Amino acid sequence: MASSQNPTDLRSISALCEHVNNGAKHPTFTDHALRHYVRHADENGLAPHIRRLGRKILISESGFYAWLNSRTTSTTTTMNSDQAA
């Protein structure tokens, strides 16, 4: 996470989950899924967007969306190249 980011951009896992799903009947991201991404943040590239304060875990909302968009692009590119082969 860049040091110039707004500190109000940081959300707890539950708050980010609620904000991302925005009251959807069938949520896209559950608390469990977000916790999985946080647990494997060093492997999946989410680590720069996570701050730990003791037991409290905060995630940058804008960083999460940037990470998600980068994952979607790389996954789509990989899938398309696999299908071409």
C-alpha atoms as a PDB file:
ATOM      1  CA  MET A   1       0.000   0.000   0.000  1.00  0.00           C
ATOM      2  CA  ALA A   2       1.428   3.357  -0.950  1.00  0.00           C
ATOM      3  CA  SER A   3       2.082   5.802   1.876  1.00  0.00           C
ATOM      4  CA  SER A   4       0.020   8.475   0.098  1.00  0.00           C
ATOM      5  CA  GLN A   5      -3.201   6.453   0.448  1.00  0.00           C
ATOM      6  CA  ASN A   6      -6.031   7.835   2.534  1.00  0.00           C
ATOM      7  CA  PRO A   7      -6.210   6.130   5.961  1.00  0.00           C
ATOM      8  CA  THR A   8     -10.025   6.107   5.715  1.00  0.00           C
ATOM      9  CA  ASP A   9      -9.569   3.628   2.859  1.00  0.00           C
ATOM     10  CA  LEU A  10      -8.654   0.885   5.370  1.00  0.00           C
ATOM     11  CA  ARG A  11     -11.454  -1.509   6.332  1.00  0.00           C
ATOM     12  CA  SER A  12     -11.727  -4.575   8.521  1.00  0.00           C
ATOM     13  CA  ILE A  13     -12.427  -7.870   6.767  1.00  0.00           C
ATOM     14  CA  SER A  14     -16.098  -7.792   7.781  1.00  0.00           C
ATOM     15  CA  ALA A  15     -16.543  -4.154   6.724  1.00  0.00           C
ATOM     16  CA  LEU A  16     -14.834  -4.749   3.376  1.00  0.00           C
ATOM     17  CA  CYS A  17     -16.956  -7.846   2.788  1.00  0.00           C
ATOM     18  CA  GLU A  18     -20.129  -5.890   3.535  1.00  0.00           C
ATOM     19  CA  HIS A  19     -19.051  -2.991   1.320  1.00  0.00           C
ATOM     20  CA  VAL A  20     -17.989  -5.181  -1.618  1.00  0.00           C
ATOM     21  CA  ASN A  21     -21.189  -7.223  -1.540  1.00  0.00           C
ATOM     22  CA  ASN A  22     -23.334  -4.136  -0.901  1.00  0.00           C
ATOM     23  CA  GLY A  23     -26.355  -6.053   0.363  1.00  0.00           C
ATOM     24  CA  ALA A  24     -26.350  -8.627  -2.442  1.00  0.00           C
ATOM     25  CA  LYS A  25     -28.691 -11.582  -2.016  1.00  0.00           C
ATOM     26  CA  HIS A  26     -25.863 -13.957  -2.974  1.00  0.00           C
ATOM     27  CA  PRO A  27     -22.577 -12.398  -1.822  1.00  0.00           C
ATOM     28  CA  THR A  28     -19.572 -12.608  -4.093  1.00  0.00           C
ATOM     29  CA  PHE A  29     -17.032 -12.457  -1.271  1.00  0.00           C
ATOM     30  CA  THR A  30     -17.677 -14.011   2.126  1.00  0.00           C
ATOM     31  CA  ASP A  31     -15.684 -13.290   5.298  1.00  0.00           C
ATOM     32  CA  HIS A  32     -14.233 -16.770   4.951  1.00  0.00           C
ATOM     33  CA  ALA A  33     -13.043 -16.112   1.379  1.00  0.00           C
ATOM     34  CA  LEU A  34     -11.446 -12.784   2.303  1.00  0.00           C
ATOM     35  CA  ARG A  35      -9.711 -14.378   5.289  1.00  0.00           C
ATOM     36  CA  HIS A  36      -8.342 -17.049   2.928  1.00  0.00           C
ATOM     37  CA  TYR A  37      -6.933 -14.341   0.630  1.00  0.00           C
ATOM     38  CA  VAL A  38      -5.378 -12.582   3.639  1.00  0.00           C
ATOM     39  CA  ARG A  39      -3.886 -15.829   4.964  1.00  0.00           C
ATOM     40  CA  HIS A  40      -2.195 -16.414   1.583  1.00  0.00           C
ATOM     41  CA  ALA A  41      -1.432 -12.733   0.892  1.00  0.00           C
ATOM     42  CA  ASP A  42       2.318 -13.298   0.467  1.00  0.00           C
ATOM     43  CA  GLU A  43       1.626 -15.874  -2.242  1.00  0.00           C
ATOM     44  CA  ASN A  44      -1.196 -14.114  -4.098  1.00  0.00           C
ATOM     45  CA  GLY A  45       0.099 -10.514  -4.082  1.00  0.00           C
ATOM     46  CA  LEU A  46      -2.433  -8.985  -1.681  1.00  0.00           C
ATOM     47  CA  ALA A  47       0.188  -8.382   1.052  1.00  0.00           C
ATOM     48  CA  PRO A  48       1.000  -4.731   0.159  1.00  0.00           C
ATOM     49  CA  HIS A  49      -2.641  -3.806   0.758  1.00  0.00           C
ATOM     50  CA  ILE A  50      -2.919  -5.359   4.241  1.00  0.00           C
ATOM     51  CA  ARG A  51      -2.090  -3.770   7.588  1.00  0.00           C
ATOM     52  CA  ARG A  52      -2.010  -5.728  10.846  1.00  0.00           C
ATOM     53  CA  LEU A  53      -2.468  -3.930  14.145  1.00  0.00           C
ATOM     54  CA  GLY A  54      -2.130  -6.616  16.775  1.00  0.00           C
ATOM     55  CA  ARG A  55      -4.965  -9.030  15.998  1.00  0.00           C
ATOM     56  CA  LYS A  56      -6.845  -6.486  13.885  1.00  0.00           C
ATOM     57  CA  ILE A  57      -6.462  -6.907  10.130  1.00  0.00           C
ATOM     58  CA  LEU A  58      -7.179  -3.935   7.877  1.00  0.00           C
ATOM     59  CA  ILE A  59      -7.331  -4.052   4.098  1.00  0.00           C
ATOM     60  CA  SER A  60      -7.104  -1.091   1.748  1.00  0.00           C
ATOM     61  CA  GLU A  61     -10.357  -0.988  -0.208  1.00  0.00           C
ATOM     62  CA  SER A  62      -8.788   0.625  -3.275  1.00  0.00           C
ATOM     63  CA  GLY A  63      -5.832  -1.771  -3.010  1.00  0.00           C
ATOM     64  CA  PHE A  64      -8.192  -4.745  -2.834  1.00  0.00           C
ATOM     65  CA  TYR A  65     -10.000  -3.619  -5.996  1.00  0.00           C
ATOM     66  CA  ALA A  66      -6.673  -3.011  -7.780  1.00  0.00           C
ATOM     67  CA  TRP A  67      -5.495  -6.487  -6.712  1.00  0.00           C
ATOM     68  CA  LEU A  68      -8.771  -8.022  -7.839  1.00  0.00           C
ATOM     69  CA  ASN A  69      -8.581  -6.333 -11.246  1.00  0.00           C
ATOM     70  CA  SER A  70      -4.987  -7.463 -11.726  1.00  0.00           C
ATOM     71  CA  ARG A  71      -5.942 -11.041 -10.816  1.00  0.00           C
ATOM     72  CA  THR A  72      -8.865 -11.013 -13.243  1.00  0.00           C
ATOM     73  CA  THR A  73      -6.662  -9.771 -16.066  1.00  0.00           C
ATOM     74  CA  SER A  74      -3.874 -12.290 -15.453  1.00  0.00           C
ATOM     75  CA  THR A  75      -6.336 -15.179 -15.023  1.00  0.00           C
ATOM     76  CA  THR A  76      -8.179 -14.273 -18.225  1.00  0.00           C
ATOM     77  CA  THR A  77      -4.916 -13.957 -20.154  1.00  0.00           C
ATOM     78  CA  THR A  78      -3.732 -17.349 -18.890  1.00  0.00           C
ATOM     79  CA  MET A  79      -7.049 -19.014 -19.717  1.00  0.00           C
ATOM     80  CA  ASN A  80      -7.057 -17.565 -23.246  1.00  0.00           C
ATOM     81  CA  SER A  81      -3.489 -18.695 -23.942  1.00  0.00           C
ATOM     82  CA  ASP A  82      -4.312 -22.191 -22.623  1.00  0.00           C
ATOM     83  CA  GLN A  83      -7.332 -22.472 -24.908  1.00  0.00           C
ATOM     84  CA  ALA A  84      -5.310 -21.377 -27.940  1.00  0.00           C
ATOM     85  CA  ALA A  85      -2.832 -24.218 -27.481  1.00  0.00           C
END
